[in-house]
Amino acid sequence: MTSNPTSTTHQAQRHTSLLDGLISGFDRGLRTLAGVHQASRPNPGGHLAEAELTAQERKHVAGLMRVNHTGEVCAQALYEGQALTAQDRSAKASLLAAAAEEQDHLVWCRSRLGELNASPSVLDPVFFGASFALGAAAGLLGDRISLGFVEATEDQVVRHLDEHLQTLPEADQKSRKVLEAMRADETRHGAEALAQGGAEFPLPIKRGMRTLAKVMTATTYRI
């Protein structure tokens, strides 16, 4: 029984494409964790003066921004993993476009941490690896599930941002402007994922995701 040359060629191309994607994802992961990304948009709070905050307020703001920075590390990994295994080219392009915008968030959060003399979470590499694997697994389930996962994830992020905006010191407008801009982007990403055919996840699954998100929040707020 002879093999089909065309099928063999397609399989080889697919394996090469997957390997290239893994190498590119690994490279971008290193850049994400090293903090060498550049933002394509100006920092929303970059033009504002630093507020006078108490030591306790600065510590709280640093904790919030550390959580948000880790969230953006996870977002980069999720989108990279999903794009790697996406089946439809338009879905892959959409995921990578969203990842590019999330890079802005990553840079803004890291910059704010620097202004507060605080550091990103030491757990970021762990969360990046886990999120990349989760994103790739979601992509293997099909673009409809993968895009639905984007919406469900963004829904959790918006909830966290709302909580952070409520507890942020009123005087800290630099952080507030960053979080408000991030919230607008995350809301749009979720809506776009559904508009492109994503399946909206049932509430029990979203509640489970919310529980996992709280574990990440509780750990990275301090470390």
Protein backbone atom coordinates (compact mmCIF):
# COMPACT_ATOMS: atom_id res chain seq x y z
CA MET A 1 0.00 0.00 0.00
CA THR A 2 1.57 3.29 -1.14
CA SER A 3 1.39 6.49 0.88
CA ASN A 4 -0.17 9.65 -0.47
CA PRO A 5 2.64 12.14 -1.23
CA THR A 6 0.28 15.10 -0.84
CA SER A 7 -0.93 13.93 2.58
CA THR A 8 2.64 13.32 3.72
CA THR A 9 3.66 16.79 2.58
CA HIS A 10 0.74 18.40 4.40
CA GLN A 11 1.61 16.54 7.61
CA ALA A 12 5.23 17.63 7.36
CA GLN A 13 4.17 21.24 6.80
CA ARG A 14 1.83 21.06 9.77
CA HIS A 15 4.56 19.69 12.04
CA THR A 16 6.98 22.37 10.83
CA SER A 17 4.38 25.08 11.40
CA LEU A 18 3.69 23.77 14.91
CA LEU A 19 7.40 23.66 15.72
CA ASP A 20 7.86 27.19 14.40
CA GLY A 21 4.92 28.32 16.51
CA LEU A 22 6.40 26.72 19.63
CA ILE A 23 9.76 28.37 19.03
CA SER A 24 8.14 31.76 18.42
CA GLY A 25 5.93 31.35 21.47
CA PHE A 26 8.93 30.42 23.62
CA ASP A 27 10.82 33.48 22.37
CA ARG A 28 7.89 35.80 23.08
CA GLY A 29 7.47 34.15 26.48
CA LEU A 30 11.05 34.97 27.40
CA ARG A 31 10.48 38.55 26.27
CA THR A 32 7.29 38.75 28.32
CA LEU A 33 8.99 37.54 31.49
CA ALA A 34 12.09 39.69 30.89
CA GLY A 35 9.97 42.82 30.50
CA VAL A 36 11.52 43.91 27.19
CA HIS A 37 8.26 44.51 25.32
CA GLN A 38 7.48 48.01 24.05
CA ALA A 39 3.99 49.51 24.20
CA SER A 40 2.39 50.64 20.95
CA ARG A 41 0.17 53.15 22.77
CA PRO A 42 1.08 55.85 25.31
CA ASN A 43 0.69 55.03 29.00
CA PRO A 44 -2.77 56.43 29.96
CA GLY A 45 -1.44 57.72 33.28
CA GLY A 46 2.05 58.60 32.14
CA HIS A 47 1.38 62.33 31.91
CA LEU A 48 0.02 62.60 35.46
CA ALA A 49 2.00 63.60 38.53
CA GLU A 50 2.65 61.05 41.26
CA ALA A 51 0.13 61.31 44.08
CA GLU A 52 1.10 61.61 47.72
CA LEU A 53 0.31 58.20 49.15
CA THR A 54 0.90 56.78 52.59
CA ALA A 55 3.26 53.83 52.95
CA GLN A 56 0.27 51.52 53.39
CA GLU A 57 -1.47 52.92 50.31
CA ARG A 58 1.65 52.50 48.18
CA LYS A 59 1.98 48.91 49.36
CA HIS A 60 -1.65 48.24 48.47
CA VAL A 61 -1.36 49.84 45.03
CA ALA A 62 1.84 47.86 44.37
CA GLY A 63 -0.01 44.66 45.29
CA LEU A 64 -2.85 45.48 42.91
CA MET A 65 -0.52 46.32 40.05
CA ARG A 66 1.49 43.15 40.69
CA VAL A 67 -1.72 41.14 40.37
CA ASN A 68 -2.62 42.93 37.16
CA HIS A 69 0.87 42.45 35.76
CA THR A 70 0.66 38.72 36.41
CA GLY A 71 -2.78 38.72 34.81
CA GLU A 72 -1.26 40.22 31.68
CA VAL A 73 1.55 37.65 31.71
CA CYS A 74 -1.16 34.98 31.80
CA ALA A 75 -3.07 36.73 29.00
CA GLN A 76 0.02 36.71 26.77
CA ALA A 77 0.51 33.02 27.40
CA LEU A 78 -3.16 32.13 26.88
CA TYR A 79 -3.39 33.95 23.57
CA GLU A 80 -0.08 32.51 22.36
CA GLY A 81 -1.19 28.99 23.26
CA GLN A 82 -4.60 29.42 21.65
CA ALA A 83 -3.11 30.93 18.48
CA LEU A 84 -0.69 28.01 18.23
CA THR A 85 -3.50 25.45 17.98
CA ALA A 86 -6.19 27.64 16.34
CA GLN A 87 -7.75 25.98 13.30
CA ASP A 88 -9.12 29.02 11.50
CA ARG A 89 -6.76 31.70 10.19
CA SER A 90 -9.09 34.56 11.11
CA ALA A 91 -9.41 33.24 14.66
CA LYS A 92 -5.62 33.00 14.93
CA ALA A 93 -5.20 36.55 13.59
CA SER A 94 -7.76 37.84 16.09
CA LEU A 95 -6.00 36.12 19.00
CA LEU A 96 -2.62 37.54 18.02
CA ALA A 97 -4.10 41.02 17.58
CA ALA A 98 -5.58 40.85 21.08
CA ALA A 99 -2.23 39.62 22.41
CA ALA A 100 -0.55 42.68 20.89
CA GLU A 101 -2.91 44.98 22.77
CA GLU A 102 -2.35 42.99 25.95
CA GLN A 103 1.36 43.76 25.55
CA ASP A 104 0.50 47.42 26.14
CA HIS A 105 -1.17 46.45 29.42
CA LEU A 106 1.88 44.42 30.38
CA VAL A 107 4.22 47.37 29.79
CA TRP A 108 1.92 49.83 31.59
CA CYS A 109 1.65 47.59 34.68
CA ARG A 110 5.38 46.92 34.80
CA SER A 111 6.11 50.64 34.45
CA ARG A 112 3.73 51.44 37.30
CA LEU A 113 5.41 48.83 39.50
CA GLY A 114 8.74 50.50 38.81
CA GLU A 115 7.34 53.88 39.79
CA LEU A 116 6.19 52.33 43.07
CA ASN A 117 9.61 50.72 43.65
CA ALA A 118 7.94 47.31 43.49
CA SER A 119 8.74 44.16 41.52
CA PRO A 120 6.62 41.74 39.47
CA SER A 121 5.61 38.46 41.05
CA VAL A 122 8.28 35.77 41.32
CA LEU A 123 5.55 33.31 40.31
CA ASP A 124 5.12 34.81 36.82
CA PRO A 125 7.11 32.04 35.05
CA VAL A 126 4.91 29.38 36.65
CA PHE A 127 1.70 31.15 35.67
CA PHE A 128 3.01 31.74 32.14
CA GLY A 129 3.76 28.07 31.59
CA ALA A 130 0.43 26.91 33.00
CA SER A 131 -1.51 29.50 31.00
CA PHE A 132 0.26 28.63 27.74
CA ALA A 133 -0.60 24.94 28.18
CA LEU A 134 -4.20 25.83 29.06
CA GLY A 135 -4.50 28.08 26.01
CA ALA A 136 -3.11 25.42 23.68
CA ALA A 137 -5.52 22.85 25.13
CA ALA A 138 -8.45 25.24 24.62
CA GLY A 139 -7.40 25.74 21.01
CA LEU A 140 -7.37 21.99 20.39
CA LEU A 141 -11.03 21.84 21.42
CA GLY A 142 -11.94 23.99 18.42
CA ASP A 143 -12.15 27.69 17.65
CA ARG A 144 -15.69 28.03 19.01
CA ILE A 145 -14.64 26.77 22.45
CA SER A 146 -11.34 28.65 22.29
CA LEU A 147 -13.03 31.97 21.53
CA GLY A 148 -15.59 31.26 24.24
CA PHE A 149 -12.70 30.73 26.64
CA VAL A 150 -11.41 34.19 25.69
CA GLU A 151 -14.77 35.75 26.59
CA ALA A 152 -14.99 33.84 29.88
CA THR A 153 -11.44 34.84 30.80
CA GLU A 154 -11.99 38.49 29.94
CA ASP A 155 -15.17 38.45 32.01
CA GLN A 156 -13.11 37.43 35.05
CA VAL A 157 -10.47 40.08 34.30
CA VAL A 158 -13.09 42.83 34.10
CA ARG A 159 -14.52 41.72 37.45
CA HIS A 160 -11.07 41.93 39.04
CA LEU A 161 -10.43 45.34 37.52
CA ASP A 162 -13.74 46.61 38.88
CA GLU A 163 -12.75 45.42 42.36
CA HIS A 164 -9.34 47.06 42.06
CA LEU A 165 -10.83 50.36 40.89
CA GLN A 166 -13.07 50.36 43.97
CA THR A 167 -10.21 49.83 46.43
CA LEU A 168 -7.62 52.02 44.69
CA PRO A 169 -6.78 55.22 46.64
CA GLU A 170 -8.74 58.09 45.12
CA ALA A 171 -5.61 60.21 44.82
CA ASP A 172 -3.79 57.63 42.68
CA GLN A 173 -5.00 58.77 39.27
CA LYS A 174 -1.93 57.34 37.51
CA SER A 175 -2.95 53.79 38.37
CA ARG A 176 -6.65 54.52 37.84
CA LYS A 177 -6.15 55.70 34.26
CA VAL A 178 -4.18 52.55 33.44
CA LEU A 179 -6.81 50.23 34.91
CA GLU A 180 -9.66 52.06 33.18
CA ALA A 181 -7.93 51.76 29.79
CA MET A 182 -7.25 48.08 30.44
CA ARG A 183 -10.88 47.50 31.39
CA ALA A 184 -12.11 49.03 28.13
CA ASP A 185 -9.80 46.78 26.09
CA GLU A 186 -10.70 43.62 28.02
CA THR A 187 -14.43 44.29 27.63
CA ARG A 188 -13.98 44.74 23.88
CA HIS A 189 -11.88 41.59 23.54
CA GLY A 190 -14.59 39.53 25.21
CA ALA A 191 -17.34 40.99 23.02
CA GLU A 192 -15.29 40.44 19.86
CA ALA A 193 -14.67 36.79 20.79
CA LEU A 194 -18.41 36.15 21.04
CA ALA A 195 -19.10 38.07 17.83
CA GLN A 196 -16.62 35.82 16.00
CA GLY A 197 -18.57 32.73 17.01
CA GLY A 198 -17.29 31.97 20.48
CA ALA A 199 -19.49 29.80 22.69
CA GLU A 200 -20.58 31.56 25.86
CA PHE A 201 -19.62 29.37 28.81
CA PRO A 202 -22.30 28.43 31.39
CA LEU A 203 -22.22 30.11 34.79
CA PRO A 204 -20.89 27.07 36.73
CA ILE A 205 -17.76 27.01 34.55
CA LYS A 206 -17.30 30.76 34.95
CA ARG A 207 -17.64 30.40 38.71
CA GLY A 208 -14.93 27.73 38.66
CA MET A 209 -12.68 30.02 36.65
CA ARG A 210 -13.36 32.78 39.16
CA THR A 211 -12.19 30.54 41.99
CA LEU A 212 -8.93 29.78 40.17
CA ALA A 213 -8.44 33.48 39.45
CA LYS A 214 -8.78 34.26 43.16
CA VAL A 215 -5.96 31.83 43.92
CA MET A 216 -3.70 33.73 41.50
CA THR A 217 -4.78 37.06 42.97
CA ALA A 218 -4.18 36.02 46.57
CA THR A 219 -0.67 34.72 45.90
CA THR A 220 0.68 37.40 43.54
CA TYR A 221 -0.65 40.33 45.61
CA ARG A 222 2.19 39.68 48.08
CA ILE A 223 4.81 37.79 46.06
